[in-house]
């Protein structure tokens, strides 16, 4: 599942205020299903250097994880990974590539 909004500014891992509703809903869903585990995958657009984008994508995934933990989801239920700019969904540059995907972990 791709979270339905641009969550981050260019070059930043700080969550935008517009990200809160989607993350609050995800947190509520996870709290309602305590056995469910997820992996948060961070992505960037292709603006900037690939090495920096890789680090940034990891920081973005960690920012979402931290938000979910603060909202009451156990940290052990949330794995993270970053893919930098390696998996764009849209032709670059496109802000929608600055995204986070959440996948269920079996």
PDB file of N, CA and C in Angstrom:
ATOM      1  N   UNK A   1       0.847  -1.167   0.000  1.00  0.00           N
ATOM      2  CA  UNK A   1       0.000   0.000   0.000  1.00  0.00           C
ATOM      3  C   UNK A   1       0.894   1.232   0.000  1.00  0.00           C
ATOM      4  N   UNK A   2       0.642   2.139  -0.909  1.00  0.00           N
ATOM      5  CA  UNK A   2       1.337   3.420  -0.939  1.00  0.00           C
ATOM      6  C   UNK A   2       0.488   4.402  -0.153  1.00  0.00           C
ATOM      7  N   UNK A   3       1.095   5.055   0.816  1.00  0.00           N
ATOM      8  CA  UNK A   3       0.338   6.057   1.569  1.00  0.00           C
ATOM      9  C   UNK A   3      -0.088   7.160   0.606  1.00  0.00           C
ATOM     10  N   UNK A   4      -1.307   7.668   0.728  1.00  0.00           N
ATOM     11  CA  UNK A   4      -1.942   8.447  -0.333  1.00  0.00           C
ATOM     12  C   UNK A   4      -1.573   9.921  -0.434  1.00  0.00           C
ATOM     13  N   UNK A   5      -0.488  10.326   0.121  1.00  0.00           N
ATOM     14  CA  UNK A   5      -0.128  11.735   0.046  1.00  0.00           C
ATOM     15  C   UNK A   5       1.386  11.870   0.047  1.00  0.00           C
ATOM     16  N   UNK A   6       1.870  13.004  -0.451  1.00  0.00           N
ATOM     17  CA  UNK A   6       3.292  13.305  -0.336  1.00  0.00           C
ATOM     18  C   UNK A   6       3.562  13.581   1.138  1.00  0.00           C
ATOM     19  N   UNK A   7       4.482  12.829   1.711  1.00  0.00           N
ATOM     20  CA  UNK A   7       4.714  12.911   3.148  1.00  0.00           C
ATOM     21  C   UNK A   7       5.860  13.843   3.524  1.00  0.00           C
ATOM     22  N   UNK A   8       6.744  14.159   2.570  1.00  0.00           N
ATOM     23  CA  UNK A   8       7.991  14.844   2.894  1.00  0.00           C
ATOM     24  C   UNK A   8       8.294  15.962   1.904  1.00  0.00           C
ATOM     25  N   UNK A   9       9.036  16.958   2.388  1.00  0.00           N
ATOM     26  CA  UNK A   9       9.567  17.991   1.516  1.00  0.00           C
ATOM     27  C   UNK A   9      10.772  17.432   0.770  1.00  0.00           C
ATOM     28  N   UNK A  10      11.169  18.118  -0.297  1.00  0.00           N
ATOM     29  CA  UNK A  10      12.357  17.714  -1.050  1.00  0.00           C
ATOM     30  C   UNK A  10      13.559  17.710  -0.114  1.00  0.00           C
ATOM     31  N   UNK A  11      14.301  16.609  -0.098  1.00  0.00           N
ATOM     32  CA  UNK A  11      15.541  16.527   0.660  1.00  0.00           C
ATOM     33  C   UNK A  11      15.387  16.426   2.162  1.00  0.00           C
ATOM     34  N   UNK A  12      14.183  16.203   2.656  1.00  0.00           N
ATOM     35  CA  UNK A  12      13.938  16.175   4.098  1.00  0.00           C
ATOM     36  C   UNK A  12      13.288  14.862   4.518  1.00  0.00           C
ATOM     37  N   UNK A  13      13.500  14.504   5.787  1.00  0.00           N
ATOM     38  CA  UNK A  13      12.842  13.329   6.354  1.00  0.00           C
ATOM     39  C   UNK A  13      11.795  13.731   7.387  1.00  0.00           C
ATOM     40  N   UNK A  14      11.566  15.026   7.537  1.00  0.00           N
ATOM     41  CA  UNK A  14      10.549  15.502   8.476  1.00  0.00           C
ATOM     42  C   UNK A  14       9.174  15.369   7.826  1.00  0.00           C
ATOM     43  N   UNK A  15       8.245  14.775   8.560  1.00  0.00           N
ATOM     44  CA  UNK A  15       6.897  14.568   8.041  1.00  0.00           C
ATOM     45  C   UNK A  15       6.163  15.898   7.873  1.00  0.00           C
ATOM     46  N   UNK A  16       5.464  16.041   6.756  1.00  0.00           N
ATOM     47  CA  UNK A  16       4.613  17.205   6.540  1.00  0.00           C
ATOM     48  C   UNK A  16       3.321  17.051   7.346  1.00  0.00           C
ATOM     49  N   UNK A  17       2.707  18.146   7.768  1.00  0.00           N
ATOM     50  CA  UNK A  17       1.433  18.044   8.491  1.00  0.00           C
ATOM     51  C   UNK A  17       0.368  17.274   7.707  1.00  0.00           C
ATOM     52  N   UNK A  18       0.392  17.358   6.388  1.00  0.00           N
ATOM     53  CA  UNK A  18      -0.596  16.652   5.560  1.00  0.00           C
ATOM     54  C   UNK A  18      -0.471  15.139   5.669  1.00  0.00           C
ATOM     55  N   UNK A  19       0.641  14.654   6.204  1.00  0.00           N
ATOM     56  CA  UNK A  19       0.851  13.207   6.344  1.00  0.00           C
ATOM     57  C   UNK A  19       0.081  12.628   7.522  1.00  0.00           C
ATOM     58  N   UNK A  20      -0.277  13.459   8.473  1.00  0.00           N
ATOM     59  CA  UNK A  20      -0.864  12.955   9.722  1.00  0.00           C
ATOM     60  C   UNK A  20      -2.133  12.126   9.548  1.00  0.00           C
ATOM     61  N   UNK A  21      -3.114  12.566   8.756  1.00  0.00           N
ATOM     62  CA  UNK A  21      -4.337  11.751   8.656  1.00  0.00           C
ATOM     63  C   UNK A  21      -4.077  10.324   8.163  1.00  0.00           C
ATOM     64  N   UNK A  22      -3.249  10.172   7.146  1.00  0.00           N
ATOM     65  CA  UNK A  22      -2.962   8.829   6.626  1.00  0.00           C
ATOM     66  C   UNK A  22      -2.215   7.999   7.659  1.00  0.00           C
ATOM     67  N   UNK A  23      -1.276   8.614   8.364  1.00  0.00           N
ATOM     68  CA  UNK A  23      -0.512   7.873   9.371  1.00  0.00           C
ATOM     69  C   UNK A  23      -1.368   7.553  10.592  1.00  0.00           C
ATOM     70  N   UNK A  24      -2.248   8.465  10.966  1.00  0.00           N
ATOM     71  CA  UNK A  24      -3.155   8.184  12.082  1.00  0.00           C
ATOM     72  C   UNK A  24      -4.073   7.005  11.750  1.00  0.00           C
ATOM     73  N   UNK A  25      -4.546   6.962  10.510  1.00  0.00           N
ATOM     74  CA  UNK A  25      -5.404   5.847  10.099  1.00  0.00           C
ATOM     75  C   UNK A  25      -4.626   4.536  10.105  1.00  0.00           C
ATOM     76  N   UNK A  26      -3.392   4.563   9.617  1.00  0.00           N
ATOM     77  CA  UNK A  26      -2.555   3.363   9.630  1.00  0.00           C
ATOM     78  C   UNK A  26      -2.316   2.902  11.063  1.00  0.00           C
ATOM     79  N   UNK A  27      -2.019   3.836  11.958  1.00  0.00           N
ATOM     80  CA  UNK A  27      -1.801   3.481  13.365  1.00  0.00           C
ATOM     81  C   UNK A  27      -3.057   2.854  13.962  1.00  0.00           C
ATOM     82  N   UNK A  28      -4.214   3.422  13.677  1.00  0.00           N
ATOM     83  CA  UNK A  28      -5.469   2.871  14.198  1.00  0.00           C
ATOM     84  C   UNK A  28      -5.700   1.460  13.665  1.00  0.00           C
ATOM     85  N   UNK A  29      -5.431   1.255  12.381  1.00  0.00           N
ATOM     86  CA  UNK A  29      -5.590  -0.079  11.787  1.00  0.00           C
ATOM     87  C   UNK A  29      -4.657  -1.087  12.451  1.00  0.00           C
ATOM     88  N   UNK A  30      -3.416  -0.676  12.686  1.00  0.00           N
ATOM     89  CA  UNK A  30      -2.446  -1.584  13.308  1.00  0.00           C
ATOM     90  C   UNK A  30      -2.816  -1.888  14.758  1.00  0.00           C
ATOM     91  N   UNK A  31      -3.289  -0.894  15.480  1.00  0.00           N
ATOM     92  CA  UNK A  31      -3.681  -1.132  16.872  1.00  0.00           C
ATOM     93  C   UNK A  31      -4.907  -2.037  16.959  1.00  0.00           C
ATOM     94  N   UNK A  32      -5.766  -1.976  15.953  1.00  0.00           N
ATOM     95  CA  UNK A  32      -6.962  -2.825  15.940  1.00  0.00           C
ATOM     96  C   UNK A  32      -6.640  -4.276  15.590  1.00  0.00           C
ATOM     97  N   UNK A  33      -5.457  -4.492  15.011  1.00  0.00           N
ATOM     98  CA  UNK A  33      -5.030  -5.841  14.623  1.00  0.00           C
ATOM     99  C   UNK A  33      -3.653  -6.108  15.232  1.00  0.00           C
ATOM    100  N   UNK A  34      -3.591  -6.415  16.515  1.00  0.00           N
ATOM    101  CA  UNK A  34      -2.311  -6.479  17.224  1.00  0.00           C
ATOM    102  C   UNK A  34      -1.339  -7.549  16.738  1.00  0.00           C
ATOM    103  N   UNK A  35      -1.789  -8.513  15.971  1.00  0.00           N
ATOM    104  CA  UNK A  35      -0.869  -9.538  15.460  1.00  0.00           C
ATOM    105  C   UNK A  35      -0.250  -9.131  14.122  1.00  0.00           C
ATOM    106  N   UNK A  36      -0.752  -8.078  13.530  1.00  0.00           N
ATOM    107  CA  UNK A  36      -0.283  -7.646  12.205  1.00  0.00           C
ATOM    108  C   UNK A  36       1.079  -6.975  12.310  1.00  0.00           C
ATOM    109  N   UNK A  37       1.988  -7.377  11.408  1.00  0.00           N
ATOM    110  CA  UNK A  37       3.325  -6.782  11.327  1.00  0.00           C
ATOM    111  C   UNK A  37       3.483  -6.162   9.944  1.00  0.00           C
ATOM    112  N   UNK A  38       4.218  -5.060   9.873  1.00  0.00           N
ATOM    113  CA  UNK A  38       4.393  -4.370   8.595  1.00  0.00           C
ATOM    114  C   UNK A  38       5.853  -3.993   8.372  1.00  0.00           C
ATOM    115  N   UNK A  39       6.154  -3.729   7.104  1.00  0.00           N
ATOM    116  CA  UNK A  39       7.454  -3.186   6.710  1.00  0.00           C
ATOM    117  C   UNK A  39       7.177  -1.839   6.050  1.00  0.00           C
ATOM    118  N   UNK A  40       7.860  -0.809   6.514  1.00  0.00           N
ATOM    119  CA  UNK A  40       7.727   0.540   5.974  1.00  0.00           C
ATOM    120  C   UNK A  40       8.894   0.762   5.017  1.00  0.00           C
ATOM    121  N   UNK A  41       8.573   1.092   3.761  1.00  0.00           N
ATOM    122  CA  UNK A  41       9.581   1.245   2.714  1.00  0.00           C
ATOM    123  C   UNK A  41       9.658   2.706   2.286  1.00  0.00           C
ATOM    124  N   UNK A  42      10.821   3.315   2.479  1.00  0.00           N
ATOM    125  CA  UNK A  42      11.007   4.712   2.106  1.00  0.00           C
ATOM    126  C   UNK A  42      11.550   4.849   0.699  1.00  0.00           C
ATOM    127  N   UNK A  43      11.097   5.903  -0.002  1.00  0.00           N
ATOM    128  CA  UNK A  43      11.521   6.180  -1.376  1.00  0.00           C
ATOM    129  C   UNK A  43      11.773   7.675  -1.528  1.00  0.00           C
ATOM    130  N   UNK A  44      12.586   8.019  -2.511  1.00  0.00           N
ATOM    131  CA  UNK A  44      12.847   9.423  -2.832  1.00  0.00           C
ATOM    132  C   UNK A  44      12.573   9.654  -4.311  1.00  0.00           C
ATOM    133  N   UNK A  45      12.561  10.941  -4.688  1.00  0.00           N
ATOM    134  CA  UNK A  45      12.566  11.246  -6.113  1.00  0.00           C
ATOM    135  C   UNK A  45      14.027  11.208  -6.576  1.00  0.00           C
ATOM    136  N   UNK A  46      14.284  11.556  -7.813  1.00  0.00           N
ATOM    137  CA  UNK A  46      15.648  11.457  -8.343  1.00  0.00           C
ATOM    138  C   UNK A  46      16.419  12.768  -8.260  1.00  0.00           C
ATOM    139  N   UNK A  47      15.921  13.710  -7.508  1.00  0.00           N
ATOM    140  CA  UNK A  47      16.640  14.960  -7.301  1.00  0.00           C
ATOM    141  C   UNK A  47      17.759  14.684  -6.305  1.00  0.00           C
ATOM    142  N   UNK A  48      18.988  15.047  -6.653  1.00  0.00           N
ATOM    143  CA  UNK A  48      20.105  14.831  -5.743  1.00  0.00           C
ATOM    144  C   UNK A  48      20.915  13.595  -6.082  1.00  0.00           C
ATOM    145  N   UNK A  49      21.880  13.308  -5.217  1.00  0.00           N
ATOM    146  CA  UNK A  49      22.811  12.203  -5.436  1.00  0.00           C
ATOM    147  C   UNK A  49      22.221  10.886  -4.937  1.00  0.00           C
ATOM    148  N   UNK A  50      22.443   9.800  -5.690  1.00  0.00           N
ATOM    149  CA  UNK A  50      21.887   8.502  -5.297  1.00  0.00           C
ATOM    150  C   UNK A  50      22.263   8.060  -3.882  1.00  0.00           C
ATOM    151  N   UNK A  51      23.508   8.265  -3.470  1.00  0.00           N
ATOM    152  CA  UNK A  51      23.915   7.842  -2.123  1.00  0.00           C
ATOM    153  C   UNK A  51      23.144   8.604  -1.048  1.00  0.00           C
ATOM    154  N   UNK A  52      22.983   9.895  -1.253  1.00  0.00           N
ATOM    155  CA  UNK A  52      22.230  10.704  -0.286  1.00  0.00           C
ATOM    156  C   UNK A  52      20.753  10.327  -0.304  1.00  0.00           C
ATOM    157  N   UNK A  53      20.236  10.016  -1.486  1.00  0.00           N
ATOM    158  CA  UNK A  53      18.837   9.594  -1.575  1.00  0.00           C
ATOM    159  C   UNK A  53      18.607   8.280  -0.847  1.00  0.00           C
ATOM    160  N   UNK A  54      19.584   7.384  -0.888  1.00  0.00           N
ATOM    161  CA  UNK A  54      19.453   6.116  -0.171  1.00  0.00           C
ATOM    162  C   UNK A  54      19.319   6.365   1.332  1.00  0.00           C
ATOM    163  N   UNK A  55      20.213   7.183   1.863  1.00  0.00           N
ATOM    164  CA  UNK A  55      20.169   7.508   3.291  1.00  0.00           C
ATOM    165  C   UNK A  55      18.854   8.208   3.631  1.00  0.00           C
ATOM    166  N   UNK A  56      18.450   9.140   2.784  1.00  0.00           N
ATOM    167  CA  UNK A  56      17.212   9.880   3.017  1.00  0.00           C
ATOM    168  C   UNK A  56      16.006   8.943   3.026  1.00  0.00           C
ATOM    169  N   UNK A  57      15.978   7.978   2.121  1.00  0.00           N
ATOM    170  CA  UNK A  57      14.844   7.043   2.089  1.00  0.00           C
ATOM    171  C   UNK A  57      14.774   6.222   3.370  1.00  0.00           C
ATOM    172  N   UNK A  58      15.928   5.848   3.900  1.00  0.00           N
ATOM    173  CA  UNK A  58      15.965   5.108   5.166  1.00  0.00           C
ATOM    174  C   UNK A  58      15.482   5.989   6.313  1.00  0.00           C
ATOM    175  N   UNK A  59      15.882   7.260   6.291  1.00  0.00           N
ATOM    176  CA  UNK A  59      15.440   8.193   7.331  1.00  0.00           C
ATOM    177  C   UNK A  59      13.932   8.422   7.258  1.00  0.00           C
ATOM    178  N   UNK A  60      13.392   8.449   6.054  1.00  0.00           N
ATOM    179  CA  UNK A  60      11.947   8.639   5.892  1.00  0.00           C
ATOM    180  C   UNK A  60      11.175   7.448   6.435  1.00  0.00           C
ATOM    181  N   UNK A  61      11.652   6.249   6.146  1.00  0.00           N
ATOM    182  CA  UNK A  61      10.994   5.055   6.688  1.00  0.00           C
ATOM    183  C   UNK A  61      11.050   5.083   8.214  1.00  0.00           C
ATOM    184  N   UNK A  62      12.194   5.487   8.759  1.00  0.00           N
ATOM    185  CA  UNK A  62      12.346   5.562  10.214  1.00  0.00           C
ATOM    186  C   UNK A  62      11.429   6.634  10.811  1.00  0.00           C
ATOM    187  N   UNK A  63      11.215   7.736  10.091  1.00  0.00           N
ATOM    188  CA  UNK A  63      10.318   8.792  10.580  1.00  0.00           C
ATOM    189  C   UNK A  63       8.883   8.284  10.677  1.00  0.00           C
ATOM    190  N   UNK A  64       8.463   7.499   9.699  1.00  0.00           N
ATOM    191  CA  UNK A  64       7.118   6.924   9.747  1.00  0.00           C
ATOM    192  C   UNK A  64       7.029   5.919  10.890  1.00  0.00           C
ATOM    193  N   UNK A  65       8.059   5.106  11.044  1.00  0.00           N
ATOM    194  CA  UNK A  65       8.078   4.140  12.150  1.00  0.00           C
ATOM    195  C   UNK A  65       7.966   4.876  13.489  1.00  0.00           C
ATOM    196  N   UNK A  66       8.737   5.928  13.666  1.00  0.00           N
ATOM    197  CA  UNK A  66       8.707   6.691  14.917  1.00  0.00           C
ATOM    198  C   UNK A  66       7.318   7.285  15.164  1.00  0.00           C
ATOM    199  N   UNK A  67       6.679   7.767  14.125  1.00  0.00           N
ATOM    200  CA  UNK A  67       5.328   8.321  14.262  1.00  0.00           C
ATOM    201  C   UNK A  67       4.365   7.242  14.734  1.00  0.00           C
ATOM    202  N   UNK A  68       4.447   6.069  14.117  1.00  0.00           N
ATOM    203  CA  UNK A  68       3.547   4.972  14.488  1.00  0.00           C
ATOM    204  C   UNK A  68       3.794   4.507  15.917  1.00  0.00           C
ATOM    205  N   UNK A  69       5.053   4.452  16.317  1.00  0.00           N
ATOM    206  CA  UNK A  69       5.382   4.052  17.690  1.00  0.00           C
ATOM    207  C   UNK A  69       4.826   5.084  18.670  1.00  0.00           C
ATOM    208  N   UNK A  70       4.999   6.359  18.352  1.00  0.00           N
ATOM    209  CA  UNK A  70       4.467   7.415  19.220  1.00  0.00           C
ATOM    210  C   UNK A  70       2.940   7.329  19.317  1.00  0.00           C
ATOM    211  N   UNK A  71       2.314   6.822  18.248  1.00  0.00           N
ATOM    212  CA  UNK A  71       0.855   6.667  18.230  1.00  0.00           C
ATOM    213  C   UNK A  71       0.395   5.402  18.939  1.00  0.00           C
ATOM    214  N   UNK A  72       1.343   4.597  19.453  1.00  0.00           N
ATOM    215  CA  UNK A  72       0.961   3.440  20.255  1.00  0.00           C
ATOM    216  C   UNK A  72       1.166   2.078  19.629  1.00  0.00           C
ATOM    217  N   UNK A  73       1.812   2.019  18.464  1.00  0.00           N
ATOM    218  CA  UNK A  73       2.099   0.736  17.824  1.00  0.00           C
ATOM    219  C   UNK A  73       3.462   0.256  18.321  1.00  0.00           C
ATOM    220  N   UNK A  74       3.562  -1.000  18.712  1.00  0.00           N
ATOM    221  CA  UNK A  74       4.827  -1.547  19.219  1.00  0.00           C
ATOM    222  C   UNK A  74       5.897  -1.516  18.131  1.00  0.00           C
ATOM    223  N   UNK A  75       7.080  -1.014  18.480  1.00  0.00           N
ATOM    224  CA  UNK A  75       8.173  -0.886  17.515  1.00  0.00           C
ATOM    225  C   UNK A  75       8.549  -2.219  16.885  1.00  0.00           C
ATOM    226  N   UNK A  76       8.446  -3.295  17.632  1.00  0.00           N
ATOM    227  CA  UNK A  76       8.807  -4.608  17.121  1.00  0.00           C
ATOM    228  C   UNK A  76       7.900  -5.115  16.011  1.00  0.00           C
ATOM    229  N   UNK A  77       6.794  -4.449  15.804  1.00  0.00           N
ATOM    230  CA  UNK A  77       5.862  -4.836  14.738  1.00  0.00           C
ATOM    231  C   UNK A  77       6.130  -4.106  13.437  1.00  0.00           C
ATOM    232  N   UNK A  78       7.125  -3.197  13.442  1.00  0.00           N
ATOM    233  CA  UNK A  78       7.365  -2.340  12.280  1.00  0.00           C
ATOM    234  C   UNK A  78       8.823  -2.451  11.852  1.00  0.00           C
ATOM    235  N   UNK A  79       9.069  -3.087  10.718  1.00  0.00           N
ATOM    236  CA  UNK A  79      10.406  -3.120  10.123  1.00  0.00           C
ATOM    237  C   UNK A  79      10.499  -1.960   9.127  1.00  0.00           C
ATOM    238  N   UNK A  80      11.722  -1.549   8.808  1.00  0.00           N
ATOM    239  CA  UNK A  80      11.897  -0.463   7.844  1.00  0.00           C
ATOM    240  C   UNK A  80      12.959  -0.827   6.820  1.00  0.00           C
ATOM    241  N   UNK A  81      12.861  -0.196   5.658  1.00  0.00           N
ATOM    242  CA  UNK A  81      13.873  -0.316   4.608  1.00  0.00           C
ATOM    243  C   UNK A  81      13.780   0.927   3.738  1.00  0.00           C
ATOM    244  N   UNK A  82      14.877   1.254   3.076  1.00  0.00           N
ATOM    245  CA  UNK A  82      14.898   2.380   2.153  1.00  0.00           C
ATOM    246  C   UNK A  82      15.398   1.939   0.796  1.00  0.00           C
ATOM    247  N   UNK A  83      14.819   2.505  -0.251  1.00  0.00           N
ATOM    248  CA  UNK A  83      15.201   2.158  -1.619  1.00  0.00           C
ATOM    249  C   UNK A  83      15.735   3.344  -2.403  1.00  0.00           C
ATOM    250  N   UNK A  84      15.930   4.471  -1.753  1.00  0.00           N
ATOM    251  CA  UNK A  84      16.442   5.637  -2.462  1.00  0.00           C
ATOM    252  C   UNK A  84      15.545   5.992  -3.632  1.00  0.00           C
ATOM    253  N   UNK A  85      16.188   6.286  -4.775  1.00  0.00           N
ATOM    254  CA  UNK A  85      15.432   6.650  -5.979  1.00  0.00           C
ATOM    255  C   UNK A  85      15.333   5.484  -6.963  1.00  0.00           C
ATOM    256  N   UNK A  86      15.597   4.260  -6.486  1.00  0.00           N
ATOM    257  CA  UNK A  86      15.691   3.092  -7.369  1.00  0.00           C
ATOM    258  C   UNK A  86      14.353   2.556  -7.861  1.00  0.00           C
ATOM    259  N   UNK A  87      13.255   2.920  -7.230  1.00  0.00           N
ATOM    260  CA  UNK A  87      11.949   2.353  -7.590  1.00  0.00           C
ATOM    261  C   UNK A  87      10.891   3.437  -7.790  1.00  0.00           C
ATOM    262  N   UNK A  88      11.098   4.329  -8.771  1.00  0.00           N
ATOM    263  CA  UNK A  88      10.101   5.382  -8.979  1.00  0.00           C
ATOM    264  C   UNK A  88       8.796   4.808  -9.527  1.00  0.00           C
ATOM    265  N   UNK A  89       7.691   5.417  -9.139  1.00  0.00           N
ATOM    266  CA  UNK A  89       6.386   5.064  -9.699  1.00  0.00           C
ATOM    267  C   UNK A  89       5.995   5.996 -10.840  1.00  0.00           C
ATOM    268  N   UNK A  90       6.628   7.168 -10.889  1.00  0.00           N
ATOM    269  CA  UNK A  90       6.288   8.197 -11.860  1.00  0.00           C
ATOM    270  C   UNK A  90       7.570   8.705 -12.510  1.00  0.00           C
ATOM    271  N   UNK A  91       7.479   9.245 -13.745  1.00  0.00           N
ATOM    272  CA  UNK A  91       8.673   9.829 -14.364  1.00  0.00           C
ATOM    273  C   UNK A  91       9.221  10.939 -13.469  1.00  0.00           C
ATOM    274  N   UNK A  92      10.516  11.002 -13.342  1.00  0.00           N
ATOM    275  CA  UNK A  92      11.131  11.995 -12.460  1.00  0.00           C
ATOM    276  C   UNK A  92      11.377  13.285 -13.220  1.00  0.00           C
ATOM    277  N   UNK A  93      11.398  14.425 -12.579  1.00  0.00           N
ATOM    278  CA  UNK A  93      11.113  14.589 -11.157  1.00  0.00           C
ATOM    279  C   UNK A  93       9.604  14.644 -10.919  1.00  0.00           C
ATOM    280  N   UNK A  94       9.163  14.011  -9.896  1.00  0.00           N
ATOM    281  CA  UNK A  94       7.748  14.012  -9.523  1.00  0.00           C
ATOM    282  C   UNK A  94       7.672  13.839  -8.015  1.00  0.00           C
ATOM    283  N   UNK A  95       7.015  14.768  -7.355  1.00  0.00           N
ATOM    284  CA  UNK A  95       6.933  14.745  -5.892  1.00  0.00           C
ATOM    285  C   UNK A  95       6.316  13.455  -5.371  1.00  0.00           C
ATOM    286  N   UNK A  96       5.469  12.819  -6.171  1.00  0.00           N
ATOM    287  CA  UNK A  96       4.817  11.591  -5.708  1.00  0.00           C
ATOM    288  C   UNK A  96       5.796  10.441  -5.504  1.00  0.00           C
ATOM    289  N   UNK A  97       7.007  10.563  -6.045  1.00  0.00           N
ATOM    290  CA  UNK A  97       8.025   9.540  -5.789  1.00  0.00           C
ATOM    291  C   UNK A  97       8.618   9.661  -4.388  1.00  0.00           C
ATOM    292  N   UNK A  98       8.390  10.790  -3.719  1.00  0.00           N
ATOM    293  CA  UNK A  98       8.807  10.953  -2.315  1.00  0.00           C
ATOM    294  C   UNK A  98       7.726  10.327  -1.455  1.00  0.00           C
ATOM    295  N   UNK A  99       7.747   9.028  -1.396  1.00  0.00           N
ATOM    296  CA  UNK A  99       6.620   8.309  -0.811  1.00  0.00           C
ATOM    297  C   UNK A  99       7.093   7.262   0.179  1.00  0.00           C
ATOM    298  N   UNK A 100       6.105   6.730   0.873  1.00  0.00           N
ATOM    299  CA  UNK A 100       6.328   5.590   1.760  1.00  0.00           C
ATOM    300  C   UNK A 100       5.305   4.529   1.395  1.00  0.00           C
ATOM    301  N   UNK A 101       5.783   3.318   1.277  1.00  0.00           N
ATOM    302  CA  UNK A 101       4.905   2.175   1.057  1.00  0.00           C
ATOM    303  C   UNK A 101       4.900   1.346   2.331  1.00  0.00           C
ATOM    304  N   UNK A 102       3.781   0.726   2.600  1.00  0.00           N
ATOM    305  CA  UNK A 102       3.655  -0.143   3.768  1.00  0.00           C
ATOM    306  C   UNK A 102       3.183  -1.492   3.261  1.00  0.00           C
ATOM    307  N   UNK A 103       3.948  -2.531   3.591  1.00  0.00           N
ATOM    308  CA  UNK A 103       3.550  -3.877   3.186  1.00  0.00           C
ATOM    309  C   UNK A 103       3.440  -4.763   4.411  1.00  0.00           C
ATOM    310  N   UNK A 104       2.517  -5.687   4.337  1.00  0.00           N
ATOM    311  CA  UNK A 104       2.326  -6.615   5.444  1.00  0.00           C
ATOM    312  C   UNK A 104       3.441  -7.649   5.433  1.00  0.00           C
ATOM    313  N   UNK A 105       3.926  -7.988   6.616  1.00  0.00           N
ATOM    314  CA  UNK A 105       4.959  -9.016   6.770  1.00  0.00           C
ATOM    315  C   UNK A 105       4.267 -10.272   7.272  1.00  0.00           C
ATOM    316  N   UNK A 106       4.412 -11.375   6.537  1.00  0.00           N
ATOM    317  CA  UNK A 106       3.737 -12.614   6.976  1.00  0.00           C
ATOM    318  C   UNK A 106       4.294 -13.153   8.282  1.00  0.00           C
TER     319      UNK A 106
END
